[in-house]
């Protein structure tokens, strides 16, 4: 099964739980992906997305509420996704399910 799709996710942040969508669009090579995180504060493009089986690694660069680059890792298991975002404030857990 492809890891591609749209996932409704919740990320546990220092500002409380943040809900949104995480979109994974695999490239033709099946080894990289593009996509977006979309939530209450807007949309952030995925950078450096890599697919290794069911495992995803990626970066996002935030500008609000403060500028920072976040390294993410996630694993797709059927319709579920779980992982963590590494920030200057520590790791933030992310969980969700595929909706499209």
PDB file of N, CA and C in Angstrom:
ATOM      1  N   UNK A   1       0.831  -1.177   0.000  1.00  0.00           N
ATOM      2  CA  UNK A   1       0.000   0.000   0.000  1.00  0.00           C
ATOM      3  C   UNK A   1       0.881   1.247   0.000  1.00  0.00           C
ATOM      4  N   UNK A   2       0.484   2.225  -0.754  1.00  0.00           N
ATOM      5  CA  UNK A   2       1.233   3.475  -0.839  1.00  0.00           C
ATOM      6  C   UNK A   2       1.088   4.284   0.445  1.00  0.00           C
ATOM      7  N   UNK A   3       2.129   5.033   0.779  1.00  0.00           N
ATOM      8  CA  UNK A   3       2.064   5.937   1.930  1.00  0.00           C
ATOM      9  C   UNK A   3       1.397   7.254   1.539  1.00  0.00           C
ATOM     10  N   UNK A   4       1.151   7.441   0.250  1.00  0.00           N
ATOM     11  CA  UNK A   4       0.548   8.678  -0.231  1.00  0.00           C
ATOM     12  C   UNK A   4      -0.860   8.869   0.284  1.00  0.00           C
ATOM     13  N   UNK A   5      -1.244  10.119   0.439  1.00  0.00           N
ATOM     14  CA  UNK A   5      -2.599  10.436   0.850  1.00  0.00           C
ATOM     15  C   UNK A   5      -2.633  11.656   1.745  1.00  0.00           C
ATOM     16  N   UNK A   6      -3.833  11.918   2.252  1.00  0.00           N
ATOM     17  CA  UNK A   6      -4.040  13.011   3.191  1.00  0.00           C
ATOM     18  C   UNK A   6      -4.418  12.410   4.532  1.00  0.00           C
ATOM     19  N   UNK A   7      -3.751  12.871   5.576  1.00  0.00           N
ATOM     20  CA  UNK A   7      -3.949  12.362   6.926  1.00  0.00           C
ATOM     21  C   UNK A   7      -4.444  13.495   7.825  1.00  0.00           C
ATOM     22  N   UNK A   8      -5.470  13.226   8.625  1.00  0.00           N
ATOM     23  CA  UNK A   8      -5.850  14.152   9.692  1.00  0.00           C
ATOM     24  C   UNK A   8      -4.942  13.826  10.861  1.00  0.00           C
ATOM     25  N   UNK A   9      -4.170  14.818  11.321  1.00  0.00           N
ATOM     26  CA  UNK A   9      -3.178  14.574  12.357  1.00  0.00           C
ATOM     27  C   UNK A   9      -3.362  15.529  13.532  1.00  0.00           C
ATOM     28  N   UNK A  10      -2.876  15.089  14.680  1.00  0.00           N
ATOM     29  CA  UNK A  10      -2.790  15.924  15.865  1.00  0.00           C
ATOM     30  C   UNK A  10      -1.352  15.877  16.346  1.00  0.00           C
ATOM     31  N   UNK A  11      -0.777  17.063  16.549  1.00  0.00           N
ATOM     32  CA  UNK A  11       0.591  17.181  17.045  1.00  0.00           C
ATOM     33  C   UNK A  11       0.543  17.803  18.430  1.00  0.00           C
ATOM     34  N   UNK A  12       1.209  17.173  19.380  1.00  0.00           N
ATOM     35  CA  UNK A  12       1.258  17.683  20.746  1.00  0.00           C
ATOM     36  C   UNK A  12       2.379  18.712  20.838  1.00  0.00           C
ATOM     37  N   UNK A  13       2.023  19.988  21.008  1.00  0.00           N
ATOM     38  CA  UNK A  13       2.994  21.082  21.008  1.00  0.00           C
ATOM     39  C   UNK A  13       2.988  21.785  22.364  1.00  0.00           C
ATOM     40  N   UNK A  14       3.994  22.626  22.626  1.00  0.00           N
ATOM     41  CA  UNK A  14       3.986  23.401  23.866  1.00  0.00           C
ATOM     42  C   UNK A  14       2.768  24.337  23.969  1.00  0.00           C
ATOM     43  N   UNK A  15       2.134  24.639  22.820  1.00  0.00           N
ATOM     44  CA  UNK A  15       0.943  25.489  22.809  1.00  0.00           C
ATOM     45  C   UNK A  15      -0.339  24.663  22.864  1.00  0.00           C
ATOM     46  N   UNK A  16      -0.229  23.383  23.170  1.00  0.00           N
ATOM     47  CA  UNK A  16      -1.388  22.499  23.203  1.00  0.00           C
ATOM     48  C   UNK A  16      -1.471  21.671  21.935  1.00  0.00           C
ATOM     49  N   UNK A  17      -2.463  20.797  21.880  1.00  0.00           N
ATOM     50  CA  UNK A  17      -2.660  19.946  20.711  1.00  0.00           C
ATOM     51  C   UNK A  17      -3.023  20.797  19.503  1.00  0.00           C
ATOM     52  N   UNK A  18      -2.333  20.548  18.380  1.00  0.00           N
ATOM     53  CA  UNK A  18      -2.595  21.252  17.127  1.00  0.00           C
ATOM     54  C   UNK A  18      -3.086  20.229  16.106  1.00  0.00           C
ATOM     55  N   UNK A  19      -4.296  20.447  15.590  1.00  0.00           N
ATOM     56  CA  UNK A  19      -4.887  19.546  14.600  1.00  0.00           C
ATOM     57  C   UNK A  19      -4.758  20.140  13.210  1.00  0.00           C
ATOM     58  N   UNK A  20      -4.664  19.278  12.223  1.00  0.00           N
ATOM     59  CA  UNK A  20      -4.584  19.724  10.842  1.00  0.00           C
ATOM     60  C   UNK A  20      -4.489  18.543   9.912  1.00  0.00           C
ATOM     61  N   UNK A  21      -4.017  18.801   8.709  1.00  0.00           N
ATOM     62  CA  UNK A  21      -3.825  17.729   7.740  1.00  0.00           C
ATOM     63  C   UNK A  21      -2.360  17.686   7.313  1.00  0.00           C
ATOM     64  N   UNK A  22      -1.927  16.491   6.998  1.00  0.00           N
ATOM     65  CA  UNK A  22      -0.577  16.228   6.495  1.00  0.00           C
ATOM     66  C   UNK A  22      -0.776  15.503   5.173  1.00  0.00           C
ATOM     67  N   UNK A  23      -0.339  16.114   4.075  1.00  0.00           N
ATOM     68  CA  UNK A  23      -0.521  15.539   2.753  1.00  0.00           C
ATOM     69  C   UNK A  23       0.808  15.002   2.240  1.00  0.00           C
ATOM     70  N   UNK A  24       0.796  13.751   1.781  1.00  0.00           N
ATOM     71  CA  UNK A  24       1.982  13.077   1.253  1.00  0.00           C
ATOM     72  C   UNK A  24       1.726  12.765  -0.222  1.00  0.00           C
ATOM     73  N   UNK A  25       2.534  13.362  -1.103  1.00  0.00           N
ATOM     74  CA  UNK A  25       2.408  13.141  -2.540  1.00  0.00           C
ATOM     75  C   UNK A  25       3.716  12.516  -3.039  1.00  0.00           C
ATOM     76  N   UNK A  26       3.740  11.173  -3.164  1.00  0.00           N
ATOM     77  CA  UNK A  26       4.977  10.512  -3.607  1.00  0.00           C
ATOM     78  C   UNK A  26       5.372  10.940  -5.023  1.00  0.00           C
ATOM     79  N   UNK A  27       6.674  11.091  -5.233  1.00  0.00           N
ATOM     80  CA  UNK A  27       7.205  11.366  -6.568  1.00  0.00           C
ATOM     81  C   UNK A  27       7.173  10.079  -7.383  1.00  0.00           C
ATOM     82  N   UNK A  28       7.379  10.210  -8.674  1.00  0.00           N
ATOM     83  CA  UNK A  28       7.369   9.045  -9.561  1.00  0.00           C
ATOM     84  C   UNK A  28       8.410   8.009  -9.167  1.00  0.00           C
ATOM     85  N   UNK A  29       9.518   8.444  -8.542  1.00  0.00           N
ATOM     86  CA  UNK A  29      10.559   7.485  -8.156  1.00  0.00           C
ATOM     87  C   UNK A  29      10.173   6.654  -6.932  1.00  0.00           C
ATOM     88  N   UNK A  30       9.094   7.050  -6.222  1.00  0.00           N
ATOM     89  CA  UNK A  30       8.653   6.308  -5.042  1.00  0.00           C
ATOM     90  C   UNK A  30       9.566   6.449  -3.843  1.00  0.00           C
ATOM     91  N   UNK A  31      10.607   7.269  -3.957  1.00  0.00           N
ATOM     92  CA  UNK A  31      11.577   7.410  -2.870  1.00  0.00           C
ATOM     93  C   UNK A  31      11.532   8.784  -2.209  1.00  0.00           C
ATOM     94  N   UNK A  32      10.875   9.729  -2.838  1.00  0.00           N
ATOM     95  CA  UNK A  32      10.767  11.076  -2.294  1.00  0.00           C
ATOM     96  C   UNK A  32       9.299  11.493  -2.329  1.00  0.00           C
ATOM     97  N   UNK A  33       8.989  12.554  -1.579  1.00  0.00           N
ATOM     98  CA  UNK A  33       7.620  13.052  -1.616  1.00  0.00           C
ATOM     99  C   UNK A  33       7.586  14.546  -1.353  1.00  0.00           C
ATOM    100  N   UNK A  34       6.517  15.152  -1.820  1.00  0.00           N
ATOM    101  CA  UNK A  34       6.195  16.539  -1.535  1.00  0.00           C
ATOM    102  C   UNK A  34       4.919  16.518  -0.706  1.00  0.00           C
ATOM    103  N   UNK A  35       4.488  17.653  -0.250  1.00  0.00           N
ATOM    104  CA  UNK A  35       3.244  17.716   0.493  1.00  0.00           C
ATOM    105  C   UNK A  35       3.158  18.973   1.320  1.00  0.00           C
ATOM    106  N   UNK A  36       2.183  18.984   2.233  1.00  0.00           N
ATOM    107  CA  UNK A  36       1.940  20.149   3.064  1.00  0.00           C
ATOM    108  C   UNK A  36       1.402  19.723   4.424  1.00  0.00           C
ATOM    109  N   UNK A  37       1.690  20.555   5.413  1.00  0.00           N
ATOM    110  CA  UNK A  37       0.976  20.547   6.685  1.00  0.00           C
ATOM    111  C   UNK A  37       0.022  21.726   6.615  1.00  0.00           C
ATOM    112  N   UNK A  38      -1.254  21.514   6.893  1.00  0.00           N
ATOM    113  CA  UNK A  38      -2.227  22.597   6.897  1.00  0.00           C
ATOM    114  C   UNK A  38      -2.965  22.561   8.222  1.00  0.00           C
ATOM    115  N   UNK A  39      -3.069  23.724   8.845  1.00  0.00           N
ATOM    116  CA  UNK A  39      -3.748  23.811  10.136  1.00  0.00           C
ATOM    117  C   UNK A  39      -4.257  25.213  10.379  1.00  0.00           C
ATOM    118  N   UNK A  40      -4.622  25.502  11.632  1.00  0.00           N
ATOM    119  CA  UNK A  40      -5.200  26.802  11.967  1.00  0.00           C
ATOM    120  C   UNK A  40      -4.296  27.993  11.645  1.00  0.00           C
ATOM    121  N   UNK A  41      -2.985  27.768  11.610  1.00  0.00           N
ATOM    122  CA  UNK A  41      -2.061  28.876  11.361  1.00  0.00           C
ATOM    123  C   UNK A  41      -1.643  28.978   9.893  1.00  0.00           C
ATOM    124  N   UNK A  42      -2.252  28.161   9.029  1.00  0.00           N
ATOM    125  CA  UNK A  42      -1.935  28.209   7.611  1.00  0.00           C
ATOM    126  C   UNK A  42      -1.354  26.911   7.104  1.00  0.00           C
ATOM    127  N   UNK A  43      -0.590  27.018   6.030  1.00  0.00           N
ATOM    128  CA  UNK A  43      -0.057  25.847   5.347  1.00  0.00           C
ATOM    129  C   UNK A  43       1.465  25.970   5.246  1.00  0.00           C
ATOM    130  N   UNK A  44       2.152  24.849   5.446  1.00  0.00           N
ATOM    131  CA  UNK A  44       3.610  24.801   5.376  1.00  0.00           C
ATOM    132  C   UNK A  44       4.000  23.681   4.409  1.00  0.00           C
ATOM    133  N   UNK A  45       4.866  23.992   3.457  1.00  0.00           N
ATOM    134  CA  UNK A  45       5.333  22.987   2.501  1.00  0.00           C
ATOM    135  C   UNK A  45       6.311  22.018   3.157  1.00  0.00           C
ATOM    136  N   UNK A  46       6.210  20.761   2.764  1.00  0.00           N
ATOM    137  CA  UNK A  46       7.167  19.737   3.178  1.00  0.00           C
ATOM    138  C   UNK A  46       8.445  19.930   2.365  1.00  0.00           C
ATOM    139  N   UNK A  47       9.598  19.808   3.027  1.00  0.00           N
ATOM    140  CA  UNK A  47      10.897  19.888   2.365  1.00  0.00           C
ATOM    141  C   UNK A  47      11.642  18.575   2.588  1.00  0.00           C
ATOM    142  N   UNK A  48      12.451  18.194   1.618  1.00  0.00           N
ATOM    143  CA  UNK A  48      13.338  17.030   1.753  1.00  0.00           C
ATOM    144  C   UNK A  48      12.596  15.764   2.165  1.00  0.00           C
ATOM    145  N   UNK A  49      11.399  15.536   1.626  1.00  0.00           N
ATOM    146  CA  UNK A  49      10.618  14.346   1.960  1.00  0.00           C
ATOM    147  C   UNK A  49      11.233  13.088   1.374  1.00  0.00           C
ATOM    148  N   UNK A  50      11.470  12.089   2.232  1.00  0.00           N
ATOM    149  CA  UNK A  50      12.054  10.814   1.808  1.00  0.00           C
ATOM    150  C   UNK A  50      11.142   9.683   2.270  1.00  0.00           C
ATOM    151  N   UNK A  51      10.923   8.723   1.379  1.00  0.00           N
ATOM    152  CA  UNK A  51      10.131   7.518   1.675  1.00  0.00           C
ATOM    153  C   UNK A  51      11.075   6.331   1.737  1.00  0.00           C
ATOM    154  N   UNK A  52      10.992   5.556   2.829  1.00  0.00           N
ATOM    155  CA  UNK A  52      11.758   4.320   2.980  1.00  0.00           C
ATOM    156  C   UNK A  52      10.773   3.260   3.458  1.00  0.00           C
ATOM    157  N   UNK A  53      10.165   2.546   2.506  1.00  0.00           N
ATOM    158  CA  UNK A  53       9.110   1.593   2.865  1.00  0.00           C
ATOM    159  C   UNK A  53       7.899   2.357   3.376  1.00  0.00           C
ATOM    160  N   UNK A  54       7.542   2.127   4.647  1.00  0.00           N
ATOM    161  CA  UNK A  54       6.431   2.842   5.269  1.00  0.00           C
ATOM    162  C   UNK A  54       6.900   4.011   6.134  1.00  0.00           C
ATOM    163  N   UNK A  55       8.208   4.268   6.133  1.00  0.00           N
ATOM    164  CA  UNK A  55       8.775   5.337   6.953  1.00  0.00           C
ATOM    165  C   UNK A  55       8.979   6.607   6.129  1.00  0.00           C
ATOM    166  N   UNK A  56       8.649   7.735   6.735  1.00  0.00           N
ATOM    167  CA  UNK A  56       8.799   9.040   6.100  1.00  0.00           C
ATOM    168  C   UNK A  56       9.733   9.904   6.933  1.00  0.00           C
ATOM    169  N   UNK A  57      10.624  10.632   6.287  1.00  0.00           N
ATOM    170  CA  UNK A  57      11.403  11.674   6.953  1.00  0.00           C
ATOM    171  C   UNK A  57      11.220  12.945   6.133  1.00  0.00           C
ATOM    172  N   UNK A  58      11.241  14.095   6.819  1.00  0.00           N
ATOM    173  CA  UNK A  58      10.958  15.356   6.142  1.00  0.00           C
ATOM    174  C   UNK A  58      11.361  16.520   7.037  1.00  0.00           C
ATOM    175  N   UNK A  59      11.300  17.720   6.466  1.00  0.00           N
ATOM    176  CA  UNK A  59      11.524  18.958   7.204  1.00  0.00           C
ATOM    177  C   UNK A  59      10.395  19.918   6.872  1.00  0.00           C
ATOM    178  N   UNK A  60      10.106  20.807   7.804  1.00  0.00           N
ATOM    179  CA  UNK A  60       9.234  21.945   7.543  1.00  0.00           C
ATOM    180  C   UNK A  60       9.908  23.171   8.150  1.00  0.00           C
ATOM    181  N   UNK A  61       9.754  24.299   7.483  1.00  0.00           N
ATOM    182  CA  UNK A  61      10.300  25.549   7.985  1.00  0.00           C
ATOM    183  C   UNK A  61       9.140  26.463   8.352  1.00  0.00           C
ATOM    184  N   UNK A  62       8.999  26.715   9.644  1.00  0.00           N
ATOM    185  CA  UNK A  62       7.924  27.579  10.136  1.00  0.00           C
ATOM    186  C   UNK A  62       8.400  29.025  10.175  1.00  0.00           C
ATOM    187  N   UNK A  63       7.462  29.939  10.004  1.00  0.00           N
ATOM    188  CA  UNK A  63       7.756  31.360  10.182  1.00  0.00           C
ATOM    189  C   UNK A  63       6.955  31.939  11.344  1.00  0.00           C
ATOM    190  N   UNK A  64       5.858  31.281  11.719  1.00  0.00           N
ATOM    191  CA  UNK A  64       5.020  31.754  12.836  1.00  0.00           C
ATOM    192  C   UNK A  64       4.633  30.546  13.685  1.00  0.00           C
ATOM    193  N   UNK A  65       4.506  30.637  14.981  1.00  0.00           N
ATOM    194  CA  UNK A  65       4.620  31.871  15.748  1.00  0.00           C
ATOM    195  C   UNK A  65       6.063  32.334  15.918  1.00  0.00           C
ATOM    196  N   UNK A  66       7.037  31.483  15.583  1.00  0.00           N
ATOM    197  CA  UNK A  66       8.444  31.900  15.573  1.00  0.00           C
ATOM    198  C   UNK A  66       9.156  31.090  14.500  1.00  0.00           C
ATOM    199  N   UNK A  67      10.179  31.661  13.878  1.00  0.00           N
ATOM    200  CA  UNK A  67      10.885  30.926  12.833  1.00  0.00           C
ATOM    201  C   UNK A  67      11.682  29.751  13.389  1.00  0.00           C
ATOM    202  N   UNK A  68      11.517  28.600  12.755  1.00  0.00           N
ATOM    203  CA  UNK A  68      12.309  27.420  13.114  1.00  0.00           C
ATOM    204  C   UNK A  68      12.151  26.355  12.041  1.00  0.00           C
ATOM    205  N   UNK A  69      13.170  25.504  11.935  1.00  0.00           N
ATOM    206  CA  UNK A  69      13.101  24.336  11.065  1.00  0.00           C
ATOM    207  C   UNK A  69      12.853  23.125  11.945  1.00  0.00           C
ATOM    208  N   UNK A  70      11.894  22.306  11.527  1.00  0.00           N
ATOM    209  CA  UNK A  70      11.497  21.127  12.294  1.00  0.00           C
ATOM    210  C   UNK A  70      11.808  19.885  11.464  1.00  0.00           C
ATOM    211  N   UNK A  71      12.473  18.911  12.068  1.00  0.00           N
ATOM    212  CA  UNK A  71      12.728  17.621  11.434  1.00  0.00           C
ATOM    213  C   UNK A  71      11.633  16.660  11.854  1.00  0.00           C
ATOM    214  N   UNK A  72      11.022  15.986  10.876  1.00  0.00           N
ATOM    215  CA  UNK A  72       9.946  15.057  11.183  1.00  0.00           C
ATOM    216  C   UNK A  72      10.245  13.647  10.733  1.00  0.00           C
ATOM    217  N   UNK A  73       9.694  12.701  11.484  1.00  0.00           N
ATOM    218  CA  UNK A  73       9.746  11.282  11.128  1.00  0.00           C
ATOM    219  C   UNK A  73       8.374  10.715  11.411  1.00  0.00           C
ATOM    220  N   UNK A  74       7.892   9.850  10.527  1.00  0.00           N
ATOM    221  CA  UNK A  74       6.590   9.220  10.735  1.00  0.00           C
ATOM    222  C   UNK A  74       6.579   7.854  10.060  1.00  0.00           C
ATOM    223  N   UNK A  75       5.715   6.993  10.550  1.00  0.00           N
ATOM    224  CA  UNK A  75       5.517   5.669   9.971  1.00  0.00           C
ATOM    225  C   UNK A  75       4.043   5.493   9.659  1.00  0.00           C
ATOM    226  N   UNK A  76       3.771   5.034   8.453  1.00  0.00           N
ATOM    227  CA  UNK A  76       2.405   4.734   8.038  1.00  0.00           C
ATOM    228  C   UNK A  76       2.167   3.252   8.283  1.00  0.00           C
ATOM    229  N   UNK A  77       1.063   2.946   8.984  1.00  0.00           N
ATOM    230  CA  UNK A  77       0.679   1.569   9.277  1.00  0.00           C
ATOM    231  C   UNK A  77      -0.777   1.411   8.870  1.00  0.00           C
ATOM    232  N   UNK A  78      -0.996   0.921   7.633  1.00  0.00           N
ATOM    233  CA  UNK A  78      -2.359   0.827   7.113  1.00  0.00           C
ATOM    234  C   UNK A  78      -2.916   2.223   6.891  1.00  0.00           C
ATOM    235  N   UNK A  79      -3.965   2.576   7.632  1.00  0.00           N
ATOM    236  CA  UNK A  79      -4.583   3.894   7.516  1.00  0.00           C
ATOM    237  C   UNK A  79      -4.089   4.854   8.589  1.00  0.00           C
ATOM    238  N   UNK A  80      -3.222   4.388   9.490  1.00  0.00           N
ATOM    239  CA  UNK A  80      -2.732   5.212  10.603  1.00  0.00           C
ATOM    240  C   UNK A  80      -1.344   5.761  10.296  1.00  0.00           C
ATOM    241  N   UNK A  81      -1.044   6.906  10.918  1.00  0.00           N
ATOM    242  CA  UNK A  81       0.288   7.489  10.838  1.00  0.00           C
ATOM    243  C   UNK A  81       0.686   7.922  12.247  1.00  0.00           C
ATOM    244  N   UNK A  82       1.939   7.717  12.591  1.00  0.00           N
ATOM    245  CA  UNK A  82       2.446   8.132  13.904  1.00  0.00           C
ATOM    246  C   UNK A  82       3.912   8.507  13.748  1.00  0.00           C
ATOM    247  N   UNK A  83       4.314   9.506  14.496  1.00  0.00           N
ATOM    248  CA  UNK A  83       5.703   9.928  14.421  1.00  0.00           C
ATOM    249  C   UNK A  83       6.000  11.035  15.403  1.00  0.00           C
ATOM    250  N   UNK A  84       7.061  11.767  15.118  1.00  0.00           N
ATOM    251  CA  UNK A  84       7.477  12.852  16.007  1.00  0.00           C
ATOM    252  C   UNK A  84       8.150  13.940  15.199  1.00  0.00           C
ATOM    253  N   UNK A  85       8.036  15.153  15.722  1.00  0.00           N
ATOM    254  CA  UNK A  85       8.674  16.325  15.150  1.00  0.00           C
ATOM    255  C   UNK A  85       9.733  16.785  16.140  1.00  0.00           C
ATOM    256  N   UNK A  86      10.974  16.924  15.691  1.00  0.00           N
ATOM    257  CA  UNK A  86      12.062  17.379  16.553  1.00  0.00           C
ATOM    258  C   UNK A  86      12.196  18.895  16.424  1.00  0.00           C
ATOM    259  N   UNK A  87      12.079  19.584  17.559  1.00  0.00           N
ATOM    260  CA  UNK A  87      12.144  21.046  17.588  1.00  0.00           C
ATOM    261  C   UNK A  87      13.165  21.484  18.638  1.00  0.00           C
ATOM    262  N   UNK A  88      13.487  22.772  18.670  1.00  0.00           N
ATOM    263  CA  UNK A  88      14.359  23.264  19.736  1.00  0.00           C
ATOM    264  C   UNK A  88      13.765  23.065  21.130  1.00  0.00           C
ATOM    265  N   UNK A  89      12.449  22.817  21.204  1.00  0.00           N
ATOM    266  CA  UNK A  89      11.757  22.616  22.479  1.00  0.00           C
ATOM    267  C   UNK A  89      11.617  21.145  22.843  1.00  0.00           C
ATOM    268  N   UNK A  90      12.185  20.273  22.021  1.00  0.00           N
ATOM    269  CA  UNK A  90      12.067  18.837  22.251  1.00  0.00           C
ATOM    270  C   UNK A  90      11.190  18.192  21.201  1.00  0.00           C
ATOM    271  N   UNK A  91      10.967  16.900  21.363  1.00  0.00           N
ATOM    272  CA  UNK A  91      10.158  16.140  20.402  1.00  0.00           C
ATOM    273  C   UNK A  91       8.674  16.349  20.677  1.00  0.00           C
ATOM    274  N   UNK A  92       7.904  16.443  19.582  1.00  0.00           N
ATOM    275  CA  UNK A  92       6.461  16.582  19.680  1.00  0.00           C
ATOM    276  C   UNK A  92       5.833  15.409  18.933  1.00  0.00           C
ATOM    277  N   UNK A  93       5.012  14.615  19.629  1.00  0.00           N
ATOM    278  CA  UNK A  93       4.378  13.447  19.028  1.00  0.00           C
ATOM    279  C   UNK A  93       3.303  13.870  18.034  1.00  0.00           C
ATOM    280  N   UNK A  94       3.196  13.104  16.944  1.00  0.00           N
ATOM    281  CA  UNK A  94       2.163  13.322  15.928  1.00  0.00           C
ATOM    282  C   UNK A  94       1.468  11.990  15.665  1.00  0.00           C
ATOM    283  N   UNK A  95       0.137  11.989  15.659  1.00  0.00           N
ATOM    284  CA  UNK A  95      -0.634  10.796  15.328  1.00  0.00           C
ATOM    285  C   UNK A  95      -1.791  11.200  14.421  1.00  0.00           C
ATOM    286  N   UNK A  96      -2.288  10.248  13.672  1.00  0.00           N
ATOM    287  CA  UNK A  96      -3.426  10.559  12.812  1.00  0.00           C
ATOM    288  C   UNK A  96      -3.887   9.372  12.000  1.00  0.00           C
ATOM    289  N   UNK A  97      -4.846   9.658  11.094  1.00  0.00           N
ATOM    290  CA  UNK A  97      -5.392   8.612  10.237  1.00  0.00           C
ATOM    291  C   UNK A  97      -5.612   9.180   8.836  1.00  0.00           C
ATOM    292  N   UNK A  98      -5.527   8.273   7.864  1.00  0.00           N
ATOM    293  CA  UNK A  98      -5.706   8.655   6.456  1.00  0.00           C
ATOM    294  C   UNK A  98      -7.187   8.973   6.212  1.00  0.00           C
ATOM    295  N   UNK A  99      -7.417  10.078   5.504  1.00  0.00           N
ATOM    296  CA  UNK A  99      -8.774  10.479   5.181  1.00  0.00           C
ATOM    297  C   UNK A  99      -8.955  10.608   3.661  1.00  0.00           C
ATOM    298  N   UNK A 100      -7.892  10.450   2.937  1.00  0.00           N
ATOM    299  CA  UNK A 100      -8.009  10.564   1.487  1.00  0.00           C
ATOM    300  C   UNK A 100      -6.749  10.121   0.790  1.00  0.00           C
TER     301      UNK A 100
END
